[in-house]
Amino acid sequence: GTLKQLGALGYKEVESAGYFHHSAAEVKQAMADAGL
């Protein structure tokens, strides 16, 4: 949900500082859903 809010603000690229125990598949899906 946080990533989607960032995408809605117009952010296109992001840089991580931790993945908060999410799997690679979960991170990839969240990024894709947010358009990041």
Full PDB file with SEQRES, HELIX, SHEET, SSBOND, CRYST1, ORIGX, SCALE, CONECT and MASTER records, all heavy atoms in Angstrom:
SEQRES   1 A   36  GLY THR LEU LYS GLN LEU GLY ALA LEU GLY TYR LYS GLU          
SEQRES   2 A   36  VAL GLU SER ALA GLY TYR PHE HIS HIS SER ALA ALA GLU          
SEQRES   3 A   36  VAL LYS GLN ALA MET ALA ASP ALA GLY LEU                      
HELIX    1 AA1 THR A    2  ALA A    8  1                                   7    
HELIX    2 AA2 ALA A   24  ALA A   34  1                                  11    
CRYST1    1.000    1.000    1.000  90.00  90.00  90.00 P 1           1          
ORIGX1      1.000000  0.000000  0.000000        0.00000                         
ORIGX2      0.000000  1.000000  0.000000        0.00000                         
ORIGX3      0.000000  0.000000  1.000000        0.00000                         
SCALE1      1.000000  0.000000  0.000000        0.00000                         
SCALE2      0.000000  1.000000  0.000000        0.00000                         
SCALE3      0.000000  0.000000  1.000000        0.00000                         
ATOM      1  N   GLY A   1       0.814  -1.215   0.000  1.00  0.00           N  
ATOM      2  CA  GLY A   1       0.000   0.000   0.000  1.00  0.00           C  
ATOM      3  C   GLY A   1       0.845   1.262   0.000  1.00  0.00           C  
ATOM      4  O   GLY A   1       0.516   2.248  -0.687  1.00  0.00           O  
ATOM      5  N   THR A   2       1.941   1.265   0.746  1.00  0.00           N  
ATOM      6  CA  THR A   2       2.836   2.424   0.774  1.00  0.00           C  
ATOM      7  C   THR A   2       3.455   2.647  -0.599  1.00  0.00           C  
ATOM      8  O   THR A   2       3.535   3.790  -1.083  1.00  0.00           O  
ATOM      9  CB  THR A   2       3.940   2.217   1.827  1.00  0.00           C  
ATOM     10  OG1 THR A   2       3.341   2.055   3.114  1.00  0.00           O  
ATOM     11  CG2 THR A   2       4.885   3.411   1.861  1.00  0.00           C  
ATOM     12  N   LEU A   3       3.888   1.574  -1.250  1.00  0.00           N  
ATOM     13  CA  LEU A   3       4.473   1.703  -2.583  1.00  0.00           C  
ATOM     14  C   LEU A   3       3.450   2.258  -3.582  1.00  0.00           C  
ATOM     15  O   LEU A   3       3.791   3.084  -4.442  1.00  0.00           O  
ATOM     16  CB  LEU A   3       5.007   0.354  -3.066  1.00  0.00           C  
ATOM     17  CG  LEU A   3       6.188  -0.224  -2.281  1.00  0.00           C  
ATOM     18  CD1 LEU A   3       6.614  -1.566  -2.877  1.00  0.00           C  
ATOM     19  CD2 LEU A   3       7.374   0.738  -2.256  1.00  0.00           C  
ATOM     20  N   LYS A   4       2.210   1.827  -3.466  1.00  0.00           N  
ATOM     21  CA  LYS A   4       1.169   2.340  -4.369  1.00  0.00           C  
ATOM     22  C   LYS A   4       0.963   3.837  -4.164  1.00  0.00           C  
ATOM     23  O   LYS A   4       0.745   4.584  -5.140  1.00  0.00           O  
ATOM     24  CB  LYS A   4      -0.149   1.591  -4.141  1.00  0.00           C  
ATOM     25  CG  LYS A   4      -0.161   0.196  -4.737  1.00  0.00           C  
ATOM     26  CD  LYS A   4      -1.506  -0.484  -4.500  1.00  0.00           C  
ATOM     27  CE  LYS A   4      -1.517  -1.890  -5.102  1.00  0.00           C  
ATOM     28  NZ  LYS A   4      -2.805  -2.592  -4.849  1.00  0.00           N  
ATOM     29  N   GLN A   5       1.026   4.300  -2.920  1.00  0.00           N  
ATOM     30  CA  GLN A   5       0.899   5.737  -2.666  1.00  0.00           C  
ATOM     31  C   GLN A   5       2.046   6.519  -3.316  1.00  0.00           C  
ATOM     32  O   GLN A   5       1.834   7.611  -3.846  1.00  0.00           O  
ATOM     33  CB  GLN A   5       0.879   5.998  -1.159  1.00  0.00           C  
ATOM     34  CG  GLN A   5      -0.371   5.528  -0.449  1.00  0.00           C  
ATOM     35  CD  GLN A   5      -0.356   5.889   1.022  1.00  0.00           C  
ATOM     36  OE1 GLN A   5      -0.493   7.055   1.404  1.00  0.00           O  
ATOM     37  NE2 GLN A   5      -0.152   4.895   1.868  1.00  0.00           N  
ATOM     38  N   LEU A   6       3.232   5.956  -3.278  1.00  0.00           N  
ATOM     39  CA  LEU A   6       4.380   6.619  -3.912  1.00  0.00           C  
ATOM     40  C   LEU A   6       4.203   6.676  -5.421  1.00  0.00           C  
ATOM     41  O   LEU A   6       4.489   7.699  -6.056  1.00  0.00           O  
ATOM     42  CB  LEU A   6       5.673   5.880  -3.559  1.00  0.00           C  
ATOM     43  CG  LEU A   6       6.042   5.831  -2.080  1.00  0.00           C  
ATOM     44  CD1 LEU A   6       7.298   4.991  -1.872  1.00  0.00           C  
ATOM     45  CD2 LEU A   6       6.244   7.237  -1.525  1.00  0.00           C  
ATOM     46  N   GLY A   7       3.722   5.588  -5.993  1.00  0.00           N  
ATOM     47  CA  GLY A   7       3.462   5.592  -7.429  1.00  0.00           C  
ATOM     48  C   GLY A   7       2.410   6.618  -7.807  1.00  0.00           C  
ATOM     49  O   GLY A   7       2.519   7.292  -8.833  1.00  0.00           O  
ATOM     50  N   ALA A   8       1.389   6.774  -6.960  1.00  0.00           N  
ATOM     51  CA  ALA A   8       0.334   7.753  -7.223  1.00  0.00           C  
ATOM     52  C   ALA A   8       0.862   9.184  -7.167  1.00  0.00           C  
ATOM     53  O   ALA A   8       0.304  10.083  -7.811  1.00  0.00           O  
ATOM     54  CB  ALA A   8      -0.803   7.574  -6.222  1.00  0.00           C  
ATOM     55  N   LEU A   9       1.937   9.417  -6.397  1.00  0.00           N  
ATOM     56  CA  LEU A   9       2.554  10.747  -6.338  1.00  0.00           C  
ATOM     57  C   LEU A   9       3.415  11.040  -7.565  1.00  0.00           C  
ATOM     58  O   LEU A   9       3.868  12.168  -7.738  1.00  0.00           O  
ATOM     59  CB  LEU A   9       3.415  10.877  -5.076  1.00  0.00           C  
ATOM     60  CG  LEU A   9       2.682  10.914  -3.737  1.00  0.00           C  
ATOM     61  CD1 LEU A   9       3.695  10.993  -2.597  1.00  0.00           C  
ATOM     62  CD2 LEU A   9       1.726  12.111  -3.667  1.00  0.00           C  
ATOM     63  N   GLY A  10       3.648  10.024  -8.378  1.00  0.00           N  
ATOM     64  CA  GLY A  10       4.431  10.228  -9.588  1.00  0.00           C  
ATOM     65  C   GLY A  10       5.843   9.690  -9.540  1.00  0.00           C  
ATOM     66  O   GLY A  10       6.608   9.845 -10.503  1.00  0.00           O  
ATOM     67  N   TYR A  11       6.228   9.065  -8.421  1.00  0.00           N  
ATOM     68  CA  TYR A  11       7.568   8.473  -8.360  1.00  0.00           C  
ATOM     69  C   TYR A  11       7.639   7.281  -9.303  1.00  0.00           C  
ATOM     70  O   TYR A  11       6.690   6.504  -9.423  1.00  0.00           O  
ATOM     71  CB  TYR A  11       7.912   8.075  -6.925  1.00  0.00           C  
ATOM     72  CG  TYR A  11       8.195   9.272  -6.050  1.00  0.00           C  
ATOM     73  CD1 TYR A  11       7.184   9.837  -5.255  1.00  0.00           C  
ATOM     74  CD2 TYR A  11       9.440   9.882  -6.053  1.00  0.00           C  
ATOM     75  CE1 TYR A  11       7.425  10.963  -4.478  1.00  0.00           C  
ATOM     76  CE2 TYR A  11       9.686  11.017  -5.276  1.00  0.00           C  
ATOM     77  CZ  TYR A  11       8.690  11.545  -4.499  1.00  0.00           C  
ATOM     78  OH  TYR A  11       8.929  12.671  -3.737  1.00  0.00           O  
ATOM     79  N   LYS A  12       8.763   7.162  -9.978  1.00  0.00           N  
ATOM     80  CA  LYS A  12       8.930   6.108 -10.979  1.00  0.00           C  
ATOM     81  C   LYS A  12      10.004   5.095 -10.589  1.00  0.00           C  
ATOM     82  O   LYS A  12       9.896   3.918 -10.920  1.00  0.00           O  
ATOM     83  CB  LYS A  12       9.315   6.728 -12.334  1.00  0.00           C  
ATOM     84  CG  LYS A  12       8.296   7.686 -12.915  1.00  0.00           C  
ATOM     85  CD  LYS A  12       7.014   6.963 -13.287  1.00  0.00           C  
ATOM     86  CE  LYS A  12       6.090   7.837 -14.136  1.00  0.00           C  
ATOM     87  NZ  LYS A  12       5.697   9.093 -13.477  1.00  0.00           N  
ATOM     88  N   GLU A  13      11.068   5.563  -9.944  1.00  0.00           N  
ATOM     89  CA  GLU A  13      12.170   4.687  -9.549  1.00  0.00           C  
ATOM     90  C   GLU A  13      12.358   4.746  -8.035  1.00  0.00           C  
ATOM     91  O   GLU A  13      12.158   5.809  -7.431  1.00  0.00           O  
ATOM     92  CB  GLU A  13      13.476   5.105 -10.230  1.00  0.00           C  
ATOM     93  CG  GLU A  13      13.461   4.934 -11.729  1.00  0.00           C  
ATOM     94  CD  GLU A  13      14.812   5.213 -12.361  1.00  0.00           C  
ATOM     95  OE1 GLU A  13      15.671   5.851 -11.712  1.00  0.00           O  
ATOM     96  OE2 GLU A  13      15.004   4.794 -13.525  1.00  0.00           O  
ATOM     97  N   VAL A  14      12.748   3.624  -7.459  1.00  0.00           N  
ATOM     98  CA  VAL A  14      12.998   3.602  -6.025  1.00  0.00           C  
ATOM     99  C   VAL A  14      14.281   2.836  -5.735  1.00  0.00           C  
ATOM    100  O   VAL A  14      14.764   2.051  -6.554  1.00  0.00           O  
ATOM    101  CB  VAL A  14      11.823   2.972  -5.232  1.00  0.00           C  
ATOM    102  CG1 VAL A  14      10.597   3.854  -5.297  1.00  0.00           C  
ATOM    103  CG2 VAL A  14      11.524   1.560  -5.720  1.00  0.00           C  
ATOM    104  N   GLU A  15      14.780   3.098  -4.539  1.00  0.00           N  
ATOM    105  CA  GLU A  15      15.987   2.459  -4.048  1.00  0.00           C  
ATOM    106  C   GLU A  15      15.658   1.901  -2.667  1.00  0.00           C  
ATOM    107  O   GLU A  15      15.121   2.607  -1.821  1.00  0.00           O  
ATOM    108  CB  GLU A  15      17.091   3.518  -3.971  1.00  0.00           C  
ATOM    109  CG  GLU A  15      18.441   3.011  -3.510  1.00  0.00           C  
ATOM    110  CD  GLU A  15      19.475   4.120  -3.595  1.00  0.00           C  
ATOM    111  OE1 GLU A  15      19.240   5.204  -3.017  1.00  0.00           O  
ATOM    112  OE2 GLU A  15      20.508   3.907  -4.240  1.00  0.00           O  
ATOM    113  N   SER A  16      15.964   0.643  -2.455  1.00  0.00           N  
ATOM    114  CA  SER A  16      15.560   0.014  -1.204  1.00  0.00           C  
ATOM    115  C   SER A  16      16.544   0.305  -0.078  1.00  0.00           C  
ATOM    116  O   SER A  16      17.720   0.584  -0.306  1.00  0.00           O  
ATOM    117  CB  SER A  16      15.437  -1.500  -1.384  1.00  0.00           C  
ATOM    118  OG  SER A  16      16.718  -2.104  -1.435  1.00  0.00           O  
ATOM    119  N   ALA A  17      16.041   0.208   1.150  1.00  0.00           N  
ATOM    120  CA  ALA A  17      16.862   0.249   2.357  1.00  0.00           C  
ATOM    121  C   ALA A  17      16.286  -0.792   3.304  1.00  0.00           C  
ATOM    122  O   ALA A  17      15.875  -0.500   4.417  1.00  0.00           O  
ATOM    123  CB  ALA A  17      16.846   1.637   2.979  1.00  0.00           C  
ATOM    124  N   GLY A  18      16.231  -2.040   2.824  1.00  0.00           N  
ATOM    125  CA  GLY A  18      15.630  -3.137   3.559  1.00  0.00           C  
ATOM    126  C   GLY A  18      14.345  -3.595   2.897  1.00  0.00           C  
ATOM    127  O   GLY A  18      13.634  -2.795   2.266  1.00  0.00           O  
ATOM    128  N   TYR A  19      14.056  -4.892   3.030  1.00  0.00           N  
ATOM    129  CA  TYR A  19      12.859  -5.463   2.401  1.00  0.00           C  
ATOM    130  C   TYR A  19      11.832  -5.946   3.418  1.00  0.00           C  
ATOM    131  O   TYR A  19      10.798  -6.506   3.043  1.00  0.00           O  
ATOM    132  CB  TYR A  19      13.261  -6.605   1.457  1.00  0.00           C  
ATOM    133  CG  TYR A  19      14.098  -6.122   0.288  1.00  0.00           C  
ATOM    134  CD1 TYR A  19      15.439  -6.464   0.177  1.00  0.00           C  
ATOM    135  CD2 TYR A  19      13.546  -5.298  -0.693  1.00  0.00           C  
ATOM    136  CE1 TYR A  19      16.213  -6.021  -0.889  1.00  0.00           C  
ATOM    137  CE2 TYR A  19      14.304  -4.842  -1.762  1.00  0.00           C  
ATOM    138  CZ  TYR A  19      15.642  -5.203  -1.849  1.00  0.00           C  
ATOM    139  OH  TYR A  19      16.391  -4.746  -2.909  1.00  0.00           O  
ATOM    140  N   PHE A  20      12.099  -5.767   4.698  1.00  0.00           N  
ATOM    141  CA  PHE A  20      11.133  -6.002   5.769  1.00  0.00           C  
ATOM    142  C   PHE A  20      10.553  -7.422   5.733  1.00  0.00           C  
ATOM    143  O   PHE A  20       9.343  -7.617   5.861  1.00  0.00           O  
ATOM    144  CB  PHE A  20      10.030  -4.937   5.727  1.00  0.00           C  
ATOM    145  CG  PHE A  20      10.572  -3.535   5.763  1.00  0.00           C  
ATOM    146  CD1 PHE A  20      10.785  -2.816   4.587  1.00  0.00           C  
ATOM    147  CD2 PHE A  20      10.941  -2.945   6.970  1.00  0.00           C  
ATOM    148  CE1 PHE A  20      11.331  -1.532   4.616  1.00  0.00           C  
ATOM    149  CE2 PHE A  20      11.474  -1.669   7.002  1.00  0.00           C  
ATOM    150  CZ  PHE A  20      11.674  -0.960   5.831  1.00  0.00           C  
ATOM    151  N   HIS A  21      11.447  -8.379   5.525  1.00  0.00           N  
ATOM    152  CA  HIS A  21      11.128  -9.810   5.585  1.00  0.00           C  
ATOM    153  C   HIS A  21      10.213 -10.278   4.460  1.00  0.00           C  
ATOM    154  O   HIS A  21       9.633 -11.371   4.542  1.00  0.00           O  
ATOM    155  CB  HIS A  21      10.495 -10.174   6.940  1.00  0.00           C  
ATOM    156  CG  HIS A  21      11.319  -9.740   8.110  1.00  0.00           C  
ATOM    157  ND1 HIS A  21      12.558 -10.271   8.400  1.00  0.00           N  
ATOM    158  CD2 HIS A  21      11.098  -8.784   9.068  1.00  0.00           C  
ATOM    159  CE1 HIS A  21      13.049  -9.696   9.469  1.00  0.00           C  
ATOM    160  NE2 HIS A  21      12.198  -8.781   9.900  1.00  0.00           N  
ATOM    161  N   HIS A  22      10.093  -9.508   3.399  1.00  0.00           N  
ATOM    162  CA  HIS A  22       9.305  -9.947   2.253  1.00  0.00           C  
ATOM    163  C   HIS A  22      10.167 -10.794   1.327  1.00  0.00           C  
ATOM    164  O   HIS A  22      11.373 -10.549   1.185  1.00  0.00           O  
ATOM    165  CB  HIS A  22       8.741  -8.752   1.491  1.00  0.00           C  
ATOM    166  CG  HIS A  22       7.676  -8.004   2.234  1.00  0.00           C  
ATOM    167  ND1 HIS A  22       6.402  -8.499   2.396  1.00  0.00           N  
ATOM    168  CD2 HIS A  22       7.693  -6.812   2.874  1.00  0.00           C  
ATOM    169  CE1 HIS A  22       5.683  -7.643   3.103  1.00  0.00           C  
ATOM    170  NE2 HIS A  22       6.441  -6.611   3.410  1.00  0.00           N  
ATOM    171  N   SER A  23       9.562 -11.756   0.681  1.00  0.00           N  
ATOM    172  CA  SER A  23      10.265 -12.574  -0.300  1.00  0.00           C  
ATOM    173  C   SER A  23      10.504 -11.758  -1.566  1.00  0.00           C  
ATOM    174  O   SER A  23       9.872 -10.717  -1.797  1.00  0.00           O  
ATOM    175  CB  SER A  23       9.442 -13.814  -0.637  1.00  0.00           C  
ATOM    176  OG  SER A  23       8.271 -13.444  -1.355  1.00  0.00           O  
ATOM    177  N   ALA A  24      11.399 -12.259  -2.402  1.00  0.00           N  
ATOM    178  CA  ALA A  24      11.662 -11.576  -3.667  1.00  0.00           C  
ATOM    179  C   ALA A  24      10.387 -11.509  -4.511  1.00  0.00           C  
ATOM    180  O   ALA A  24      10.104 -10.485  -5.152  1.00  0.00           O  
ATOM    181  CB  ALA A  24      12.781 -12.289  -4.427  1.00  0.00           C  
ATOM    182  N   ALA A  25       9.617 -12.576  -4.509  1.00  0.00           N  
ATOM    183  CA  ALA A  25       8.375 -12.588  -5.293  1.00  0.00           C  
ATOM    184  C   ALA A  25       7.400 -11.529  -4.790  1.00  0.00           C  
ATOM    185  O   ALA A  25       6.737 -10.842  -5.587  1.00  0.00           O  
ATOM    186  CB  ALA A  25       7.739 -13.974  -5.233  1.00  0.00           C  
ATOM    187  N   GLU A  26       7.300 -11.385  -3.468  1.00  0.00           N  
ATOM    188  CA  GLU A  26       6.385 -10.384  -2.890  1.00  0.00           C  
ATOM    189  C   GLU A  26       6.851  -8.975  -3.219  1.00  0.00           C  
ATOM    190  O   GLU A  26       6.023  -8.097  -3.533  1.00  0.00           O  
ATOM    191  CB  GLU A  26       6.313 -10.580  -1.374  1.00  0.00           C  
ATOM    192  CG  GLU A  26       5.568 -11.831  -0.950  1.00  0.00           C  
ATOM    193  CD  GLU A  26       5.722 -12.135   0.525  1.00  0.00           C  
ATOM    194  OE1 GLU A  26       6.698 -11.652   1.154  1.00  0.00           O  
ATOM    195  OE2 GLU A  26       4.870 -12.866   1.059  1.00  0.00           O  
ATOM    196  N   VAL A  27       8.153  -8.730  -3.148  1.00  0.00           N  
ATOM    197  CA  VAL A  27       8.682  -7.403  -3.471  1.00  0.00           C  
ATOM    198  C   VAL A  27       8.436  -7.075  -4.938  1.00  0.00           C  
ATOM    199  O   VAL A  27       7.979  -5.972  -5.277  1.00  0.00           O  
ATOM    200  CB  VAL A  27      10.196  -7.326  -3.148  1.00  0.00           C  
ATOM    201  CG1 VAL A  27      10.782  -6.008  -3.660  1.00  0.00           C  
ATOM    202  CG2 VAL A  27      10.429  -7.466  -1.649  1.00  0.00           C  
ATOM    203  N   LYS A  28       8.714  -8.020  -5.807  1.00  0.00           N  
ATOM    204  CA  LYS A  28       8.523  -7.791  -7.246  1.00  0.00           C  
ATOM    205  C   LYS A  28       7.063  -7.479  -7.556  1.00  0.00           C  
ATOM    206  O   LYS A  28       6.762  -6.579  -8.343  1.00  0.00           O  
ATOM    207  CB  LYS A  28       8.979  -9.017  -8.038  1.00  0.00           C  
ATOM    208  CG  LYS A  28      10.484  -9.185  -8.095  1.00  0.00           C  
ATOM    209  CD  LYS A  28      10.887 -10.456  -8.818  1.00  0.00           C  
ATOM    210  CE  LYS A  28      10.646 -10.375 -10.292  1.00  0.00           C  
ATOM    211  NZ  LYS A  28      11.194 -11.559 -11.011  1.00  0.00           N  
ATOM    212  N   GLN A  29       6.143  -8.224  -6.940  1.00  0.00           N  
ATOM    213  CA  GLN A  29       4.722  -7.994  -7.194  1.00  0.00           C  
ATOM    214  C   GLN A  29       4.290  -6.629  -6.687  1.00  0.00           C  
ATOM    215  O   GLN A  29       3.542  -5.900  -7.362  1.00  0.00           O  
ATOM    216  CB  GLN A  29       3.887  -9.081  -6.529  1.00  0.00           C  
ATOM    217  CG  GLN A  29       2.412  -9.040  -6.914  1.00  0.00           C  
ATOM    218  CD  GLN A  29       2.206  -9.267  -8.405  1.00  0.00           C  
ATOM    219  OE1 GLN A  29       2.620 -10.282  -8.935  1.00  0.00           O  
ATOM    220  NE2 GLN A  29       1.566  -8.313  -9.080  1.00  0.00           N  
ATOM    221  N   ALA A  30       4.758  -6.248  -5.504  1.00  0.00           N  
ATOM    222  CA  ALA A  30       4.388  -4.949  -4.932  1.00  0.00           C  
ATOM    223  C   ALA A  30       4.915  -3.810  -5.792  1.00  0.00           C  
ATOM    224  O   ALA A  30       4.225  -2.797  -6.000  1.00  0.00           O  
ATOM    225  CB  ALA A  30       4.919  -4.828  -3.504  1.00  0.00           C  
ATOM    226  N   MET A  31       6.140  -3.941  -6.276  1.00  0.00           N  
ATOM    227  CA  MET A  31       6.709  -2.911  -7.145  1.00  0.00           C  
ATOM    228  C   MET A  31       5.916  -2.809  -8.452  1.00  0.00           C  
ATOM    229  O   MET A  31       5.604  -1.704  -8.926  1.00  0.00           O  
ATOM    230  CB  MET A  31       8.182  -3.219  -7.446  1.00  0.00           C  
ATOM    231  CG  MET A  31       9.104  -3.136  -6.258  1.00  0.00           C  
ATOM    232  SD  MET A  31       9.372  -1.439  -5.696  1.00  0.00           S  
ATOM    233  CE  MET A  31      10.284  -1.760  -4.163  1.00  0.00           C  
ATOM    234  N   ALA A  32       5.603  -3.942  -9.027  1.00  0.00           N  
ATOM    235  CA  ALA A  32       4.852  -3.946 -10.287  1.00  0.00           C  
ATOM    236  C   ALA A  32       3.468  -3.329 -10.106  1.00  0.00           C  
ATOM    237  O   ALA A  32       3.019  -2.531 -10.939  1.00  0.00           O  
ATOM    238  CB  ALA A  32       4.733  -5.378 -10.807  1.00  0.00           C  
ATOM    239  N   ASP A  33       2.796  -3.683  -9.021  1.00  0.00           N  
ATOM    240  CA  ASP A  33       1.455  -3.145  -8.772  1.00  0.00           C  
ATOM    241  C   ASP A  33       1.479  -1.631  -8.569  1.00  0.00           C  
ATOM    242  O   ASP A  33       0.499  -0.938  -8.863  1.00  0.00           O  
ATOM    243  CB  ASP A  33       0.840  -3.811  -7.538  1.00  0.00           C  
ATOM    244  CG  ASP A  33       0.492  -5.276  -7.768  1.00  0.00           C  
ATOM    245  OD1 ASP A  33       0.475  -5.700  -8.938  1.00  0.00           O  
ATOM    246  OD2 ASP A  33       0.270  -5.997  -6.774  1.00  0.00           O  
ATOM    247  N   ALA A  34       2.602  -1.125  -8.041  1.00  0.00           N  
ATOM    248  CA  ALA A  34       2.732   0.315  -7.792  1.00  0.00           C  
ATOM    249  C   ALA A  34       3.291   1.071  -8.995  1.00  0.00           C  
ATOM    250  O   ALA A  34       3.343   2.299  -8.976  1.00  0.00           O  
ATOM    251  CB  ALA A  34       3.640   0.547  -6.586  1.00  0.00           C  
ATOM    252  N   GLY A  35       3.705   0.347 -10.016  1.00  0.00           N  
ATOM    253  CA  GLY A  35       4.296   0.997 -11.193  1.00  0.00           C  
ATOM    254  C   GLY A  35       5.680   1.551 -10.928  1.00  0.00           C  
ATOM    255  O   GLY A  35       6.086   2.538 -11.545  1.00  0.00           O  
ATOM    256  N   LEU A  36       6.420   0.915 -10.022  1.00  0.00           N  
ATOM    257  CA  LEU A  36       7.744   1.392  -9.634  1.00  0.00           C  
ATOM    258  C   LEU A  36       8.830   0.463 -10.154  1.00  0.00           C  
ATOM    259  O   LEU A  36       8.650  -0.762 -10.202  1.00  0.00           O  
ATOM    260  CB  LEU A  36       7.848   1.478  -8.107  1.00  0.00           C  
ATOM    261  CG  LEU A  36       6.908   2.453  -7.405  1.00  0.00           C  
ATOM    262  CD1 LEU A  36       7.005   2.287  -5.891  1.00  0.00           C  
ATOM    263  CD2 LEU A  36       7.224   3.899  -7.807  1.00  0.00           C  
TER     264      LEU A  36                                                      
MASTER        0    0    0    2    0    0    0    6  263    1    0    3          
END                                                                             
